[in-house]
Amino acid sequence: MPIQERRERERAERERLIVDAARELAEAEGWDAVTTRRLAERIEYSQPVLYSHFKGKDAIMAAVALDGFAELAATLRAARAGAADANTALAEVAAAYTRFAETRPVLYETMFTSAVDLTFASPETPAPLRAGFAELREAVRPSAGDADLDTYTELFWASLHGLTTLTRGGRLPREAQERRLALLLDRFSRG
C-alpha cells in the first residue's frame, strides 16, 4: 500500500476516534465536559493532533451532528421502507423520529439546537442532512397534493420537531404526546 494511502487511512481513523470519543463523553457527561484536553487524554493523542483534525470543539460537535444526521436518515429510511402503505409510512417515520430524539437526547440536541456550523436548505448542505430531509419528503409526498413538496415537508418536519422538542423539554405534557402526534398525522395523511 502506498504511504500516502496509509497516512490518509490513519488520519481518517484518528478523526473517527476523536468524534466517537467526543460523542461518548457528551452522552455520558454533557458537552460542557468535552474539552480538547479530556479528548486528547481519552484517545491518547496530543491536543495539537486534535487541532490538526478539527479547529475546535464546535467543529467536533458538527462532526458528531453529521453522524447523527446519517443515523437519523437511516432510521427514517428503515421506518418508511418497512411500512405497508403511505399512511402507515408517515406514522412510522413520525414514530421513528420521536424515538430517535427520546433515545439519543444529547445527539438530538447537538443536531438541532446546538450552534454547529452546518448549512441547511442550500446547495452546500451536507449529504447526511439532505438524506434525512429526503426521507421526510418521501413520507409526506403522497399527501402533499398540489403543495410545494419541499415547503410541505418543512412544515411537517417543523411540526414534528416542535412537538418533540417541547415535550422533551417538559413544556408540553408527555402523556398527551401520542394524541398530539395522532392529530399531526391526521392533518398530513391522505383523506
Protein backbone atom coordinates (compact mmCIF):
# COMPACT_ATOMS: atom_id res chain seq x y z
CA MET A 1 0.00 0.00 0.00
CA PRO A 2 1.44 3.39 -0.90
CA ILE A 3 2.49 5.56 2.03
CA GLN A 4 0.03 8.33 1.15
CA GLU A 5 -2.94 5.94 1.25
CA ARG A 6 -1.83 4.57 4.60
CA ARG A 7 -1.48 8.10 6.02
CA GLU A 8 -4.94 9.05 4.77
CA ARG A 9 -6.42 5.90 6.29
CA GLU A 10 -4.67 6.56 9.62
CA ARG A 11 -5.87 10.17 9.57
CA ALA A 12 -9.45 9.05 8.95
CA GLU A 13 -9.17 6.52 11.78
CA ARG A 14 -7.87 9.21 14.18
CA GLU A 15 -10.68 11.53 13.16
CA ARG A 16 -13.24 8.76 13.76
CA LEU A 17 -11.64 8.10 17.16
CA ILE A 18 -11.95 11.79 18.11
CA VAL A 19 -15.59 12.01 17.03
CA ASP A 20 -16.55 8.77 18.78
CA ALA A 21 -14.78 9.80 22.00
CA ALA A 22 -16.44 13.23 21.94
CA ARG A 23 -19.85 11.69 21.43
CA GLU A 24 -19.36 9.14 24.21
CA LEU A 25 -18.17 11.81 26.62
CA ALA A 26 -21.00 14.19 25.69
CA GLU A 27 -23.61 11.45 26.10
CA ALA A 28 -22.19 10.49 29.49
CA GLU A 29 -21.49 13.94 30.94
CA GLY A 30 -22.82 16.60 28.55
CA TRP A 31 -20.97 18.84 26.11
CA ASP A 32 -19.58 21.04 28.88
CA ALA A 33 -17.43 18.07 29.89
CA VAL A 34 -15.97 17.74 26.39
CA THR A 35 -12.68 19.60 26.21
CA THR A 36 -9.77 19.09 23.86
CA ARG A 37 -7.64 18.21 26.86
CA ARG A 38 -10.02 15.45 28.00
CA LEU A 39 -10.39 14.18 24.45
CA ALA A 40 -6.62 14.11 23.98
CA GLU A 41 -6.24 12.09 27.17
CA ARG A 42 -9.05 9.75 26.22
CA ILE A 43 -7.73 8.93 22.73
CA GLU A 44 -4.08 9.08 23.81
CA TYR A 45 -3.01 11.75 21.33
CA SER A 46 -1.82 15.28 21.99
CA GLN A 47 -4.06 18.33 21.76
CA PRO A 48 -2.20 19.54 18.65
CA VAL A 49 -3.20 16.28 16.94
CA LEU A 50 -6.86 17.08 17.70
CA TYR A 51 -6.39 20.58 16.28
CA SER A 52 -4.84 19.11 13.15
CA HIS A 53 -8.22 17.42 12.55
CA PHE A 54 -10.68 19.97 13.95
CA LYS A 55 -10.47 23.72 14.54
CA GLY A 56 -12.02 23.28 17.96
CA LYS A 57 -14.92 21.94 19.95
CA ASP A 58 -17.55 23.45 17.63
CA ALA A 59 -16.08 21.59 14.67
CA ILE A 60 -16.08 18.35 16.67
CA MET A 61 -19.72 18.96 17.61
CA ALA A 62 -20.55 19.49 13.93
CA ALA A 63 -18.89 16.17 13.07
CA VAL A 64 -20.92 14.44 15.78
CA ALA A 65 -24.06 16.11 14.43
CA LEU A 66 -23.27 14.87 10.92
CA ASP A 67 -23.02 11.33 12.27
CA GLY A 68 -26.37 11.86 13.96
CA PHE A 69 -27.99 13.03 10.74
CA ALA A 70 -26.69 9.94 8.96
CA GLU A 71 -28.15 7.75 11.72
CA LEU A 72 -31.46 9.61 11.63
CA ALA A 73 -31.69 9.26 7.84
CA ALA A 74 -31.08 5.51 8.10
CA THR A 75 -33.66 5.21 10.88
CA LEU A 76 -36.28 7.11 8.88
CA ARG A 77 -35.47 5.13 5.72
CA ALA A 78 -35.98 1.84 7.55
CA ALA A 79 -39.25 3.04 9.07
CA ARG A 80 -40.61 4.23 5.73
CA ALA A 81 -39.44 1.16 3.80
CA GLY A 82 -40.99 -1.24 6.28
CA ALA A 83 -44.46 0.30 6.09
CA ALA A 84 -47.34 -1.33 4.24
CA ASP A 85 -48.84 1.86 2.79
CA ALA A 86 -48.37 5.64 2.63
CA ASN A 87 -50.34 6.49 5.78
CA THR A 88 -48.55 3.81 7.75
CA ALA A 89 -45.22 5.06 6.37
CA LEU A 90 -45.94 8.58 7.60
CA ALA A 91 -46.87 7.29 11.04
CA GLU A 92 -43.81 5.03 11.20
CA VAL A 93 -41.50 7.87 10.16
CA ALA A 94 -43.01 10.18 12.79
CA ALA A 95 -42.67 7.49 15.46
CA ALA A 96 -39.07 6.75 14.43
CA TYR A 97 -38.21 10.45 14.56
CA THR A 98 -39.62 10.92 18.06
CA ARG A 99 -37.97 7.68 19.29
CA PHE A 100 -34.65 8.88 17.91
CA ALA A 101 -34.97 12.13 19.87
CA GLU A 102 -36.01 10.31 23.04
CA THR A 103 -33.32 7.64 22.94
CA ARG A 104 -30.46 9.92 21.86
CA PRO A 105 -31.19 13.21 23.63
CA VAL A 106 -27.66 14.61 23.59
CA LEU A 107 -27.17 13.70 19.94
CA TYR A 108 -30.56 15.19 19.01
CA GLU A 109 -29.70 18.42 20.82
CA THR A 110 -26.34 18.54 19.08
CA MET A 111 -28.03 18.12 15.72
CA PHE A 112 -30.88 20.58 16.18
CA THR A 113 -30.28 23.05 18.99
CA SER A 114 -26.52 23.42 19.40
CA ALA A 115 -24.75 26.15 17.48
CA VAL A 116 -22.98 23.91 14.98
CA ASP A 117 -21.77 25.23 11.66
CA LEU A 118 -23.93 23.14 9.33
CA THR A 119 -25.81 24.61 6.41
CA PHE A 120 -29.42 23.57 5.88
CA ALA A 121 -31.53 24.03 2.74
CA SER A 122 -28.80 25.12 0.37
CA PRO A 123 -26.53 23.58 -2.26
CA GLU A 124 -23.81 23.36 0.45
CA THR A 125 -25.99 21.23 2.73
CA PRO A 126 -24.03 18.09 3.70
CA ALA A 127 -25.32 14.80 2.29
CA PRO A 128 -26.46 13.32 5.64
CA LEU A 129 -28.75 16.32 6.23
CA ARG A 130 -30.15 16.07 2.70
CA ALA A 131 -30.73 12.33 3.16
CA GLY A 132 -32.78 12.82 6.33
CA PHE A 133 -34.86 15.53 4.70
CA ALA A 134 -35.37 13.30 1.65
CA GLU A 135 -36.82 10.57 3.86
CA LEU A 136 -39.26 13.03 5.40
CA ARG A 137 -40.14 14.31 1.92
CA GLU A 138 -40.88 10.81 0.65
CA ALA A 139 -43.06 10.10 3.67
CA VAL A 140 -45.24 13.19 3.07
CA ARG A 141 -45.18 13.06 -0.75
CA PRO A 142 -48.42 11.03 -1.08
CA SER A 143 -50.38 13.62 0.90
CA ALA A 144 -48.79 16.79 -0.48
CA GLY A 145 -51.21 17.13 -3.38
CA ASP A 146 -50.55 20.38 -5.25
CA ALA A 147 -48.49 21.88 -2.42
CA ASP A 148 -44.82 22.64 -2.96
CA LEU A 149 -43.30 19.38 -1.71
CA ASP A 150 -40.25 20.91 -0.03
CA THR A 151 -42.34 23.52 1.80
CA TYR A 152 -44.88 20.87 2.79
CA THR A 153 -42.05 18.70 4.11
CA GLU A 154 -40.57 21.63 6.03
CA LEU A 155 -43.95 22.22 7.68
CA PHE A 156 -44.24 18.56 8.69
CA TRP A 157 -40.67 18.49 9.96
CA ALA A 158 -41.07 21.76 11.88
CA SER A 159 -44.28 20.46 13.48
CA LEU A 160 -42.71 17.13 14.38
CA HIS A 161 -39.57 18.79 15.72
CA GLY A 162 -41.59 21.33 17.71
CA LEU A 163 -43.74 18.68 19.33
CA THR A 164 -40.70 16.56 20.08
CA THR A 165 -38.62 19.40 21.50
CA LEU A 166 -41.42 20.91 23.57
CA THR A 167 -42.35 17.52 25.00
CA ARG A 168 -38.72 16.60 25.76
CA GLY A 169 -38.24 19.95 27.46
CA GLY A 170 -41.32 19.49 29.66
CA ARG A 171 -43.17 22.38 28.00
CA LEU A 172 -45.92 20.05 26.78
CA PRO A 173 -47.27 17.19 28.90
CA ARG A 174 -45.61 13.92 27.95
CA GLU A 175 -48.80 11.93 28.50
CA ALA A 176 -50.51 13.79 25.63
CA GLN A 177 -47.70 13.20 23.11
CA GLU A 178 -49.43 10.30 21.37
CA ARG A 179 -52.62 12.32 20.92
CA ARG A 180 -50.67 15.28 19.52
CA LEU A 181 -48.81 13.02 17.08
CA ALA A 182 -52.08 11.39 16.00
CA LEU A 183 -53.57 14.82 15.30
CA LEU A 184 -50.48 15.87 13.34
CA LEU A 185 -50.56 12.67 11.31
CA ASP A 186 -54.26 13.10 10.64
CA ARG A 187 -53.55 16.55 9.19
CA PHE A 188 -50.76 15.25 6.97
CA SER A 189 -52.28 11.92 5.93
CA ARG A 190 -54.34 11.33 2.83
CA GLY A 191 -58.11 11.57 3.25
